[in-house]
Amino acid sequence: VSCISNTEGESFYVDSVKGRFTISSDNAKNTVYLQMNSLKPEDT
């Protein structure tokens, strides 16, 4: 669905979620987030 790389400074989204999902990271918490907006039944 998505990917994030801090060392390469890049991110990736599969076409079906582009514009709706956002990946991010919080290095202080060692946590990656996936914000999912405009959800569709096919995202189940």
PDB file of all heavy atoms in Angstrom:
ATOM      1  N   VAL A   1       0.822  -1.207   0.000  1.00  0.00           N
ATOM      2  CA  VAL A   1       0.000   0.000   0.000  1.00  0.00           C
ATOM      3  C   VAL A   1       0.856   1.256   0.000  1.00  0.00           C
ATOM      4  O   VAL A   1       0.616   2.190  -0.773  1.00  0.00           O
ATOM      5  CB  VAL A   1      -0.946   0.012   1.207  1.00  0.00           C
ATOM      6  CG1 VAL A   1      -1.742   1.310   1.263  1.00  0.00           C
ATOM      7  CG2 VAL A   1      -1.879  -1.192   1.160  1.00  0.00           C
ATOM      8  N   SER A   2       1.845   1.297   0.884  1.00  0.00           N
ATOM      9  CA  SER A   2       2.666   2.487   1.033  1.00  0.00           C
ATOM     10  C   SER A   2       3.986   2.107   1.664  1.00  0.00           C
ATOM     11  O   SER A   2       4.135   1.020   2.224  1.00  0.00           O
ATOM     12  CB  SER A   2       1.930   3.530   1.887  1.00  0.00           C
ATOM     13  OG  SER A   2       2.629   4.760   1.921  1.00  0.00           O
ATOM     14  N   CYS A   3       4.937   3.007   1.581  1.00  0.00           N
ATOM     15  CA  CYS A   3       6.269   2.772   2.128  1.00  0.00           C
ATOM     16  C   CYS A   3       6.911   4.117   2.416  1.00  0.00           C
ATOM     17  O   CYS A   3       6.639   5.111   1.728  1.00  0.00           O
ATOM     18  CB  CYS A   3       7.119   1.964   1.147  1.00  0.00           C
ATOM     19  SG  CYS A   3       8.837   1.715   1.642  1.00  0.00           S
ATOM     20  N   ILE A   4       7.773   4.140   3.419  1.00  0.00           N
ATOM     21  CA  ILE A   4       8.543   5.342   3.721  1.00  0.00           C
ATOM     22  C   ILE A   4       9.986   4.956   4.008  1.00  0.00           C
ATOM     23  O   ILE A   4      10.255   3.951   4.674  1.00  0.00           O
ATOM     24  CB  ILE A   4       7.923   6.131   4.892  1.00  0.00           C
ATOM     25  CG1 ILE A   4       8.614   7.486   5.048  1.00  0.00           C
ATOM     26  CG2 ILE A   4       7.969   5.328   6.186  1.00  0.00           C
ATOM     27  CD1 ILE A   4       7.846   8.451   5.945  1.00  0.00           C
ATOM     28  N   SER A   5      10.913   5.755   3.489  1.00  0.00           N
ATOM     29  CA  SER A   5      12.334   5.570   3.721  1.00  0.00           C
ATOM     30  C   SER A   5      12.932   6.905   4.143  1.00  0.00           C
ATOM     31  O   SER A   5      12.969   7.851   3.346  1.00  0.00           O
ATOM     32  CB  SER A   5      13.038   5.055   2.469  1.00  0.00           C
ATOM     33  OG  SER A   5      14.449   5.098   2.626  1.00  0.00           O
ATOM     34  N   ASN A   6      13.400   6.977   5.379  1.00  0.00           N
ATOM     35  CA  ASN A   6      14.037   8.198   5.853  1.00  0.00           C
ATOM     36  C   ASN A   6      15.425   8.383   5.267  1.00  0.00           C
ATOM     37  O   ASN A   6      15.823   9.500   4.940  1.00  0.00           O
ATOM     38  CB  ASN A   6      14.109   8.196   7.377  1.00  0.00           C
ATOM     39  CG  ASN A   6      12.765   8.393   8.025  1.00  0.00           C
ATOM     40  OD1 ASN A   6      11.941   9.175   7.547  1.00  0.00           O
ATOM     41  ND2 ASN A   6      12.533   7.692   9.121  1.00  0.00           N
ATOM     42  N   THR A   7      16.181   7.289   5.103  1.00  0.00           N
ATOM     43  CA  THR A   7      17.540   7.395   4.582  1.00  0.00           C
ATOM     44  C   THR A   7      17.551   7.836   3.126  1.00  0.00           C
ATOM     45  O   THR A   7      18.448   8.573   2.709  1.00  0.00           O
ATOM     46  CB  THR A   7      18.281   6.064   4.723  1.00  0.00           C
ATOM     47  OG1 THR A   7      17.554   5.028   4.057  1.00  0.00           O
ATOM     48  CG2 THR A   7      18.460   5.700   6.184  1.00  0.00           C
ATOM     49  N   GLU A   8      16.593   7.370   2.334  1.00  0.00           N
ATOM     50  CA  GLU A   8      16.520   7.740   0.931  1.00  0.00           C
ATOM     51  C   GLU A   8      15.626   8.941   0.684  1.00  0.00           C
ATOM     52  O   GLU A   8      15.587   9.454  -0.444  1.00  0.00           O
ATOM     53  CB  GLU A   8      16.037   6.556   0.092  1.00  0.00           C
ATOM     54  CG  GLU A   8      16.911   5.314   0.224  1.00  0.00           C
ATOM     55  CD  GLU A   8      18.320   5.557  -0.248  1.00  0.00           C
ATOM     56  OE1 GLU A   8      18.521   6.344  -1.201  1.00  0.00           O
ATOM     57  OE2 GLU A   8      19.254   4.968   0.338  1.00  0.00           O
ATOM     58  N   GLY A   9      14.900   9.388   1.695  1.00  0.00           N
ATOM     59  CA  GLY A   9      14.018  10.528   1.550  1.00  0.00           C
ATOM     60  C   GLY A   9      12.911  10.308   0.547  1.00  0.00           C
ATOM     61  O   GLY A   9      12.597  11.208  -0.245  1.00  0.00           O
ATOM     62  N   GLU A  10      12.314   9.140   0.568  1.00  0.00           N
ATOM     63  CA  GLU A  10      11.302   8.810  -0.418  1.00  0.00           C
ATOM     64  C   GLU A  10      10.115   8.126   0.233  1.00  0.00           C
ATOM     65  O   GLU A  10      10.215   7.577   1.333  1.00  0.00           O
ATOM     66  CB  GLU A  10      11.879   7.911  -1.514  1.00  0.00           C
ATOM     67  CG  GLU A  10      12.328   6.540  -1.030  1.00  0.00           C
ATOM     68  CD  GLU A  10      12.976   5.719  -2.132  1.00  0.00           C
ATOM     69  OE1 GLU A  10      13.493   6.321  -3.098  1.00  0.00           O
ATOM     70  OE2 GLU A  10      12.976   4.479  -2.026  1.00  0.00           O
ATOM     71  N   SER A  11       9.010   8.177  -0.466  1.00  0.00           N
ATOM     72  CA  SER A  11       7.808   7.475  -0.063  1.00  0.00           C
ATOM     73  C   SER A  11       7.134   6.907  -1.302  1.00  0.00           C
ATOM     74  O   SER A  11       7.430   7.307  -2.430  1.00  0.00           O
ATOM     75  CB  SER A  11       6.854   8.387   0.702  1.00  0.00           C
ATOM     76  OG  SER A  11       6.463   9.495  -0.090  1.00  0.00           O
ATOM     77  N   PHE A  12       6.241   5.978  -1.072  1.00  0.00           N
ATOM     78  CA  PHE A  12       5.555   5.304  -2.164  1.00  0.00           C
ATOM     79  C   PHE A  12       4.096   5.080  -1.788  1.00  0.00           C
ATOM     80  O   PHE A  12       3.783   4.812  -0.628  1.00  0.00           O
ATOM     81  CB  PHE A  12       6.213   3.948  -2.463  1.00  0.00           C
ATOM     82  CG  PHE A  12       5.358   3.047  -3.312  1.00  0.00           C
ATOM     83  CD1 PHE A  12       5.314   3.202  -4.686  1.00  0.00           C
ATOM     84  CD2 PHE A  12       4.568   2.067  -2.733  1.00  0.00           C
ATOM     85  CE1 PHE A  12       4.512   2.397  -5.473  1.00  0.00           C
ATOM     86  CE2 PHE A  12       3.762   1.251  -3.501  1.00  0.00           C
ATOM     87  CZ  PHE A  12       3.736   1.426  -4.881  1.00  0.00           C
ATOM     88  N   TYR A  13       3.218   5.180  -2.792  1.00  0.00           N
ATOM     89  CA  TYR A  13       1.807   4.847  -2.626  1.00  0.00           C
ATOM     90  C   TYR A  13       1.342   4.057  -3.836  1.00  0.00           C
ATOM     91  O   TYR A  13       1.647   4.410  -4.980  1.00  0.00           O
ATOM     92  CB  TYR A  13       0.941   6.099  -2.510  1.00  0.00           C
ATOM     93  CG  TYR A  13       1.315   7.012  -1.375  1.00  0.00           C
ATOM     94  CD1 TYR A  13       2.193   8.069  -1.570  1.00  0.00           C
ATOM     95  CD2 TYR A  13       0.790   6.813  -0.102  1.00  0.00           C
ATOM     96  CE1 TYR A  13       2.545   8.906  -0.526  1.00  0.00           C
ATOM     97  CE2 TYR A  13       1.131   7.650   0.943  1.00  0.00           C
ATOM     98  CZ  TYR A  13       2.009   8.688   0.725  1.00  0.00           C
ATOM     99  OH  TYR A  13       2.350   9.523   1.768  1.00  0.00           O
ATOM    100  N   VAL A  14       0.597   3.000  -3.583  1.00  0.00           N
ATOM    101  CA  VAL A  14      -0.040   2.296  -4.681  1.00  0.00           C
ATOM    102  C   VAL A  14      -1.089   3.220  -5.301  1.00  0.00           C
ATOM    103  O   VAL A  14      -1.674   4.073  -4.622  1.00  0.00           O
ATOM    104  CB  VAL A  14      -0.661   0.972  -4.181  1.00  0.00           C
ATOM    105  CG1 VAL A  14      -1.840   1.221  -3.267  1.00  0.00           C
ATOM    106  CG2 VAL A  14      -1.042   0.069  -5.344  1.00  0.00           C
ATOM    107  N   ASP A  15      -1.311   3.074  -6.610  1.00  0.00           N
ATOM    108  CA  ASP A  15      -2.178   4.012  -7.323  1.00  0.00           C
ATOM    109  C   ASP A  15      -3.564   4.142  -6.698  1.00  0.00           C
ATOM    110  O   ASP A  15      -4.149   5.233  -6.691  1.00  0.00           O
ATOM    111  CB  ASP A  15      -2.317   3.596  -8.785  1.00  0.00           C
ATOM    112  CG  ASP A  15      -1.078   3.885  -9.605  1.00  0.00           C
ATOM    113  OD1 ASP A  15      -0.217   4.648  -9.141  1.00  0.00           O
ATOM    114  OD2 ASP A  15      -0.985   3.352 -10.725  1.00  0.00           O
ATOM    115  N   SER A  16      -4.088   3.058  -6.177  1.00  0.00           N
ATOM    116  CA  SER A  16      -5.449   3.067  -5.670  1.00  0.00           C
ATOM    117  C   SER A  16      -5.638   3.927  -4.418  1.00  0.00           C
ATOM    118  O   SER A  16      -6.774   4.255  -4.068  1.00  0.00           O
ATOM    119  CB  SER A  16      -5.920   1.639  -5.384  1.00  0.00           C
ATOM    120  OG  SER A  16      -5.106   1.019  -4.403  1.00  0.00           O
ATOM    121  N   VAL A  17      -4.546   4.304  -3.750  1.00  0.00           N
ATOM    122  CA  VAL A  17      -4.666   5.112  -2.538  1.00  0.00           C
ATOM    123  C   VAL A  17      -4.035   6.489  -2.674  1.00  0.00           C
ATOM    124  O   VAL A  17      -4.130   7.299  -1.741  1.00  0.00           O
ATOM    125  CB  VAL A  17      -4.075   4.396  -1.304  1.00  0.00           C
ATOM    126  CG1 VAL A  17      -4.646   2.989  -1.180  1.00  0.00           C
ATOM    127  CG2 VAL A  17      -2.557   4.365  -1.347  1.00  0.00           C
ATOM    128  N   LYS A  18      -3.418   6.784  -3.796  1.00  0.00           N
ATOM    129  CA  LYS A  18      -2.795   8.092  -3.987  1.00  0.00           C
ATOM    130  C   LYS A  18      -3.823   9.204  -3.851  1.00  0.00           C
ATOM    131  O   LYS A  18      -4.917   9.125  -4.397  1.00  0.00           O
ATOM    132  CB  LYS A  18      -2.122   8.174  -5.356  1.00  0.00           C
ATOM    133  CG  LYS A  18      -0.796   7.456  -5.434  1.00  0.00           C
ATOM    134  CD  LYS A  18      -0.139   7.642  -6.797  1.00  0.00           C
ATOM    135  CE  LYS A  18       1.221   6.973  -6.837  1.00  0.00           C
ATOM    136  NZ  LYS A  18       1.848   7.092  -8.166  1.00  0.00           N
ATOM    137  N   GLY A  19      -3.442  10.233  -3.117  1.00  0.00           N
ATOM    138  CA  GLY A  19      -4.337  11.345  -2.872  1.00  0.00           C
ATOM    139  C   GLY A  19      -5.259  11.150  -1.697  1.00  0.00           C
ATOM    140  O   GLY A  19      -5.919  12.106  -1.276  1.00  0.00           O
ATOM    141  N   ARG A  20      -5.334   9.935  -1.172  1.00  0.00           N
ATOM    142  CA  ARG A  20      -6.200   9.638  -0.039  1.00  0.00           C
ATOM    143  C   ARG A  20      -5.416   9.240   1.212  1.00  0.00           C
ATOM    144  O   ARG A  20      -5.828   9.553   2.324  1.00  0.00           O
ATOM    145  CB  ARG A  20      -7.179   8.519  -0.390  1.00  0.00           C
ATOM    146  CG  ARG A  20      -8.094   8.856  -1.563  1.00  0.00           C
ATOM    147  CD  ARG A  20      -9.188   7.812  -1.736  1.00  0.00           C
ATOM    148  NE  ARG A  20      -8.651   6.488  -2.039  1.00  0.00           N
ATOM    149  CZ  ARG A  20      -8.823   5.410  -1.275  1.00  0.00           C
ATOM    150  NH1 ARG A  20      -9.532   5.490  -0.148  1.00  0.00           N
ATOM    151  NH2 ARG A  20      -8.310   4.246  -1.646  1.00  0.00           N
ATOM    152  N   PHE A  21      -4.314   8.527   1.036  1.00  0.00           N
ATOM    153  CA  PHE A  21      -3.506   8.054   2.155  1.00  0.00           C
ATOM    154  C   PHE A  21      -2.218   8.857   2.231  1.00  0.00           C
ATOM    155  O   PHE A  21      -1.652   9.255   1.204  1.00  0.00           O
ATOM    156  CB  PHE A  21      -3.142   6.578   1.991  1.00  0.00           C
ATOM    157  CG  PHE A  21      -4.284   5.610   2.124  1.00  0.00           C
ATOM    158  CD1 PHE A  21      -5.603   6.031   2.171  1.00  0.00           C
ATOM    159  CD2 PHE A  21      -4.021   4.247   2.203  1.00  0.00           C
ATOM    160  CE1 PHE A  21      -6.646   5.129   2.285  1.00  0.00           C
ATOM    161  CE2 PHE A  21      -5.052   3.333   2.322  1.00  0.00           C
ATOM    162  CZ  PHE A  21      -6.367   3.769   2.362  1.00  0.00           C
ATOM    163  N   THR A  22      -1.727   9.054   3.451  1.00  0.00           N
ATOM    164  CA  THR A  22      -0.468   9.735   3.676  1.00  0.00           C
ATOM    165  C   THR A  22       0.346   8.968   4.698  1.00  0.00           C
ATOM    166  O   THR A  22      -0.138   8.689   5.797  1.00  0.00           O
ATOM    167  CB  THR A  22      -0.679  11.175   4.172  1.00  0.00           C
ATOM    168  OG1 THR A  22      -1.469  11.902   3.234  1.00  0.00           O
ATOM    169  CG2 THR A  22       0.662  11.882   4.340  1.00  0.00           C
ATOM    170  N   ILE A  23       1.586   8.635   4.349  1.00  0.00           N
ATOM    171  CA  ILE A  23       2.474   7.954   5.271  1.00  0.00           C
ATOM    172  C   ILE A  23       3.419   8.974   5.892  1.00  0.00           C
ATOM    173  O   ILE A  23       3.845   9.929   5.241  1.00  0.00           O
ATOM    174  CB  ILE A  23       3.252   6.824   4.561  1.00  0.00           C
ATOM    175  CG1 ILE A  23       3.959   5.919   5.574  1.00  0.00           C
ATOM    176  CG2 ILE A  23       4.240   7.375   3.539  1.00  0.00           C
ATOM    177  CD1 ILE A  23       4.491   4.633   4.965  1.00  0.00           C
ATOM    178  N   SER A  24       3.735   8.781   7.158  1.00  0.00           N
ATOM    179  CA  SER A  24       4.641   9.672   7.862  1.00  0.00           C
ATOM    180  C   SER A  24       5.345   8.903   8.958  1.00  0.00           C
ATOM    181  O   SER A  24       4.956   7.780   9.299  1.00  0.00           O
ATOM    182  CB  SER A  24       3.894  10.881   8.444  1.00  0.00           C
ATOM    183  OG  SER A  24       2.939  10.473   9.403  1.00  0.00           O
ATOM    184  N   SER A  25       6.387   9.495   9.516  1.00  0.00           N
ATOM    185  CA  SER A  25       7.130   8.856  10.594  1.00  0.00           C
ATOM    186  C   SER A  25       7.442   9.850  11.693  1.00  0.00           C
ATOM    187  O   SER A  25       7.603  11.051  11.444  1.00  0.00           O
ATOM    188  CB  SER A  25       8.421   8.221  10.075  1.00  0.00           C
ATOM    189  OG  SER A  25       9.302   9.199   9.554  1.00  0.00           O
ATOM    190  N   ASP A  26       7.503   9.348  12.900  1.00  0.00           N
ATOM    191  CA  ASP A  26       7.903  10.120  14.071  1.00  0.00           C
ATOM    192  C   ASP A  26       9.135   9.429  14.625  1.00  0.00           C
ATOM    193  O   ASP A  26       9.034   8.405  15.309  1.00  0.00           O
ATOM    194  CB  ASP A  26       6.778  10.168  15.096  1.00  0.00           C
ATOM    195  CG  ASP A  26       7.106  11.042  16.292  1.00  0.00           C
ATOM    196  OD1 ASP A  26       8.289  11.295  16.558  1.00  0.00           O
ATOM    197  OD2 ASP A  26       6.157  11.485  16.975  1.00  0.00           O
ATOM    198  N   ASN A  27      10.300   9.974  14.331  1.00  0.00           N
ATOM    199  CA  ASN A  27      11.541   9.319  14.723  1.00  0.00           C
ATOM    200  C   ASN A  27      11.721   9.260  16.238  1.00  0.00           C
ATOM    201  O   ASN A  27      12.329   8.320  16.748  1.00  0.00           O
ATOM    202  CB  ASN A  27      12.738  10.036  14.089  1.00  0.00           C
ATOM    203  CG  ASN A  27      12.797   9.846  12.594  1.00  0.00           C
ATOM    204  OD1 ASN A  27      12.364   8.820  12.059  1.00  0.00           O
ATOM    205  ND2 ASN A  27      13.354  10.825  11.892  1.00  0.00           N
ATOM    206  N   ALA A  28      11.194  10.237  16.952  1.00  0.00           N
ATOM    207  CA  ALA A  28      11.301  10.239  18.402  1.00  0.00           C
ATOM    208  C   ALA A  28      10.538   9.089  19.031  1.00  0.00           C
ATOM    209  O   ALA A  28      10.889   8.627  20.123  1.00  0.00           O
ATOM    210  CB  ALA A  28      10.826  11.569  18.974  1.00  0.00           C
ATOM    211  N   LYS A  29       9.485   8.635  18.367  1.00  0.00           N
ATOM    212  CA  LYS A  29       8.662   7.548  18.886  1.00  0.00           C
ATOM    213  C   LYS A  29       8.869   6.234  18.139  1.00  0.00           C
ATOM    214  O   LYS A  29       8.204   5.237  18.458  1.00  0.00           O
ATOM    215  CB  LYS A  29       7.180   7.934  18.827  1.00  0.00           C
ATOM    216  CG  LYS A  29       6.830   9.137  19.686  1.00  0.00           C
ATOM    217  CD  LYS A  29       5.348   9.464  19.596  1.00  0.00           C
ATOM    218  CE  LYS A  29       4.509   8.388  20.253  1.00  0.00           C
ATOM    219  NZ  LYS A  29       4.699   8.353  21.731  1.00  0.00           N
ATOM    220  N   ASN A  30       9.769   6.219  17.154  1.00  0.00           N
ATOM    221  CA  ASN A  30      10.016   5.023  16.337  1.00  0.00           C
ATOM    222  C   ASN A  30       8.712   4.469  15.768  1.00  0.00           C
ATOM    223  O   ASN A  30       8.480   3.254  15.765  1.00  0.00           O
ATOM    224  CB  ASN A  30      10.745   3.949  17.144  1.00  0.00           C
ATOM    225  CG  ASN A  30      12.144   4.366  17.542  1.00  0.00           C
ATOM    226  OD1 ASN A  30      12.751   5.233  16.921  1.00  0.00           O
ATOM    227  ND2 ASN A  30      12.671   3.741  18.584  1.00  0.00           N
ATOM    228  N   THR A  31       7.893   5.352  15.279  1.00  0.00           N
ATOM    229  CA  THR A  31       6.553   4.990  14.837  1.00  0.00           C
ATOM    230  C   THR A  31       6.280   5.537  13.445  1.00  0.00           C
ATOM    231  O   THR A  31       6.634   6.677  13.138  1.00  0.00           O
ATOM    232  CB  THR A  31       5.499   5.515  15.819  1.00  0.00           C
ATOM    233  OG1 THR A  31       5.712   4.918  17.106  1.00  0.00           O
ATOM    234  CG2 THR A  31       4.092   5.184  15.350  1.00  0.00           C
ATOM    235  N   VAL A  32       5.655   4.710  12.625  1.00  0.00           N
ATOM    236  CA  VAL A  32       5.187   5.099  11.297  1.00  0.00           C
ATOM    237  C   VAL A  32       3.670   5.144  11.318  1.00  0.00           C
ATOM    238  O   VAL A  32       3.021   4.272  11.907  1.00  0.00           O
ATOM    239  CB  VAL A  32       5.701   4.131  10.220  1.00  0.00           C
ATOM    240  CG1 VAL A  32       5.051   4.421   8.873  1.00  0.00           C
ATOM    241  CG2 VAL A  32       7.213   4.230  10.093  1.00  0.00           C
ATOM    242  N   TYR A  33       3.106   6.147  10.665  1.00  0.00           N
ATOM    243  CA  TYR A  33       1.668   6.329  10.614  1.00  0.00           C
ATOM    244  C   TYR A  33       1.168   6.218   9.183  1.00  0.00           C
ATOM    245  O   TYR A  33       1.889   6.519   8.228  1.00  0.00           O
ATOM    246  CB  TYR A  33       1.276   7.702  11.167  1.00  0.00           C
ATOM    247  CG  TYR A  33       1.747   7.944  12.574  1.00  0.00           C
ATOM    248  CD1 TYR A  33       2.938   8.617  12.818  1.00  0.00           C
ATOM    249  CD2 TYR A  33       1.008   7.495  13.660  1.00  0.00           C
ATOM    250  CE1 TYR A  33       3.380   8.833  14.108  1.00  0.00           C
ATOM    251  CE2 TYR A  33       1.446   7.711  14.953  1.00  0.00           C
ATOM    252  CZ  TYR A  33       2.625   8.381  15.174  1.00  0.00           C
ATOM    253  OH  TYR A  33       3.061   8.593  16.463  1.00  0.00           O
ATOM    254  N   LEU A  34      -0.057   5.794   9.049  1.00  0.00           N
ATOM    255  CA  LEU A  34      -0.745   5.815   7.772  1.00  0.00           C
ATOM    256  C   LEU A  34      -2.080   6.509   7.972  1.00  0.00           C
ATOM    257  O   LEU A  34      -3.002   5.931   8.556  1.00  0.00           O
ATOM    258  CB  LEU A  34      -0.945   4.406   7.217  1.00  0.00           C
ATOM    259  CG  LEU A  34      -1.508   4.335   5.799  1.00  0.00           C
ATOM    260  CD1 LEU A  34      -0.502   4.877   4.791  1.00  0.00           C
ATOM    261  CD2 LEU A  34      -1.895   2.906   5.433  1.00  0.00           C
ATOM    262  N   GLN A  35      -2.155   7.760   7.535  1.00  0.00           N
ATOM    263  CA  GLN A  35      -3.393   8.512   7.597  1.00  0.00           C
ATOM    264  C   GLN A  35      -4.233   8.147   6.382  1.00  0.00           C
ATOM    265  O   GLN A  35      -3.799   8.345   5.245  1.00  0.00           O
ATOM    266  CB  GLN A  35      -3.112  10.013   7.613  1.00  0.00           C
ATOM    267  CG  GLN A  35      -4.355  10.890   7.643  1.00  0.00           C
ATOM    268  CD  GLN A  35      -5.127  10.768   8.927  1.00  0.00           C
ATOM    269  OE1 GLN A  35      -4.544  10.811  10.011  1.00  0.00           O
ATOM    270  NE2 GLN A  35      -6.435  10.596   8.830  1.00  0.00           N
ATOM    271  N   MET A  36      -5.417   7.629   6.616  1.00  0.00           N
ATOM    272  CA  MET A  36      -6.289   7.153   5.551  1.00  0.00           C
ATOM    273  C   MET A  36      -7.546   8.013   5.531  1.00  0.00           C
ATOM    274  O   MET A  36      -8.334   7.982   6.474  1.00  0.00           O
ATOM    275  CB  MET A  36      -6.645   5.681   5.750  1.00  0.00           C
ATOM    276  CG  MET A  36      -5.432   4.773   5.925  1.00  0.00           C
ATOM    277  SD  MET A  36      -5.872   3.016   5.964  1.00  0.00           S
ATOM    278  CE  MET A  36      -6.890   2.988   7.453  1.00  0.00           C
ATOM    279  N   ASN A  37      -7.714   8.771   4.463  1.00  0.00           N
ATOM    280  CA  ASN A  37      -8.870   9.637   4.287  1.00  0.00           C
ATOM    281  C   ASN A  37      -9.713   9.144   3.117  1.00  0.00           C
ATOM    282  O   ASN A  37      -9.258   8.367   2.285  1.00  0.00           O
ATOM    283  CB  ASN A  37      -8.430  11.078   4.033  1.00  0.00           C
ATOM    284  CG  ASN A  37      -7.661  11.674   5.185  1.00  0.00           C
ATOM    285  OD1 ASN A  37      -7.924  11.378   6.346  1.00  0.00           O
ATOM    286  ND2 ASN A  37      -6.707  12.549   4.869  1.00  0.00           N
ATOM    287  N   SER A  38     -10.935   9.634   3.048  1.00  0.00           N
ATOM    288  CA  SER A  38     -11.853   9.287   1.960  1.00  0.00           C
ATOM    289  C   SER A  38     -11.912   7.785   1.746  1.00  0.00           C
ATOM    290  O   SER A  38     -11.812   7.289   0.623  1.00  0.00           O
ATOM    291  CB  SER A  38     -11.437  10.007   0.669  1.00  0.00           C
ATOM    292  OG  SER A  38     -11.420  11.407   0.842  1.00  0.00           O
ATOM    293  N   LEU A  39     -12.089   7.066   2.820  1.00  0.00           N
ATOM    294  CA  LEU A  39     -12.048   5.607   2.759  1.00  0.00           C
ATOM    295  C   LEU A  39     -13.197   5.045   1.939  1.00  0.00           C
ATOM    296  O   LEU A  39     -14.310   5.584   1.940  1.00  0.00           O
ATOM    297  CB  LEU A  39     -12.067   5.025   4.163  1.00  0.00           C
ATOM    298  CG  LEU A  39     -10.720   5.101   4.891  1.00  0.00           C
ATOM    299  CD1 LEU A  39     -10.904   4.925   6.387  1.00  0.00           C
ATOM    300  CD2 LEU A  39      -9.762   4.052   4.335  1.00  0.00           C
ATOM    301  N   LYS A  40     -12.896   3.958   1.250  1.00  0.00           N
ATOM    302  CA  LYS A  40     -13.840   3.269   0.392  1.00  0.00           C
ATOM    303  C   LYS A  40     -14.029   1.839   0.888  1.00  0.00           C
ATOM    304  O   LYS A  40     -13.134   1.284   1.517  1.00  0.00           O
ATOM    305  CB  LYS A  40     -13.327   3.238  -1.048  1.00  0.00           C
ATOM    306  CG  LYS A  40     -13.016   4.593  -1.648  1.00  0.00           C
ATOM    307  CD  LYS A  40     -12.398   4.444  -3.032  1.00  0.00           C
ATOM    308  CE  LYS A  40     -12.076   5.796  -3.646  1.00  0.00           C
ATOM    309  NZ  LYS A  40     -11.464   5.648  -4.993  1.00  0.00           N
ATOM    310  N   PRO A  41     -15.169   1.221   0.583  1.00  0.00           N
ATOM    311  CA  PRO A  41     -15.356  -0.174   0.996  1.00  0.00           C
ATOM    312  C   PRO A  41     -14.239  -1.097   0.508  1.00  0.00           C
ATOM    313  O   PRO A  41     -13.895  -2.054   1.218  1.00  0.00           O
ATOM    314  CB  PRO A  41     -16.704  -0.545   0.372  1.00  0.00           C
ATOM    315  CG  PRO A  41     -17.450   0.746   0.335  1.00  0.00           C
ATOM    316  CD  PRO A  41     -16.407   1.784   0.004  1.00  0.00           C
ATOM    317  N   GLU A  42     -13.671  -0.831  -0.654  1.00  0.00           N
ATOM    318  CA  GLU A  42     -12.598  -1.664  -1.164  1.00  0.00           C
ATOM    319  C   GLU A  42     -11.296  -1.517  -0.390  1.00  0.00           C
ATOM    320  O   GLU A  42     -10.344  -2.264  -0.628  1.00  0.00           O
ATOM    321  CB  GLU A  42     -12.348  -1.399  -2.657  1.00  0.00           C
ATOM    322  CG  GLU A  42     -12.183   0.062  -3.000  1.00  0.00           C
ATOM    323  CD  GLU A  42     -13.461   0.683  -3.541  1.00  0.00           C
ATOM    324  OE1 GLU A  42     -14.528   0.475  -2.938  1.00  0.00           O
ATOM    325  OE2 GLU A  42     -13.392   1.381  -4.575  1.00  0.00           O
ATOM    326  N   ASP A  43     -11.226  -0.571   0.540  1.00  0.00           N
ATOM    327  CA  ASP A  43     -10.081  -0.465   1.431  1.00  0.00           C
ATOM    328  C   ASP A  43     -10.164  -1.451   2.593  1.00  0.00           C
ATOM    329  O   ASP A  43      -9.206  -1.569   3.363  1.00  0.00           O
ATOM    330  CB  ASP A  43      -9.949   0.951   1.993  1.00  0.00           C
ATOM    331  CG  ASP A  43      -9.645   1.990   0.927  1.00  0.00           C
ATOM    332  OD1 ASP A  43      -8.806   1.709   0.041  1.00  0.00           O
ATOM    333  OD2 ASP A  43     -10.236   3.085   0.983  1.00  0.00           O
ATOM    334  N   THR A  44     -11.289  -2.125   2.738  1.00  0.00           N
ATOM    335  CA  THR A  44     -11.462  -3.080   3.822  1.00  0.00           C
ATOM    336  C   THR A  44     -10.438  -4.201   3.713  1.00  0.00           C
ATOM    337  O   THR A  44     -10.328  -4.863   2.684  1.00  0.00           O
ATOM    338  CB  THR A  44     -12.877  -3.661   3.800  1.00  0.00           C
ATOM    339  OG1 THR A  44     -13.823  -2.621   4.060  1.00  0.00           O
ATOM    340  CG2 THR A  44     -13.043  -4.753   4.847  1.00  0.00           C
TER     341      THR A  44
END
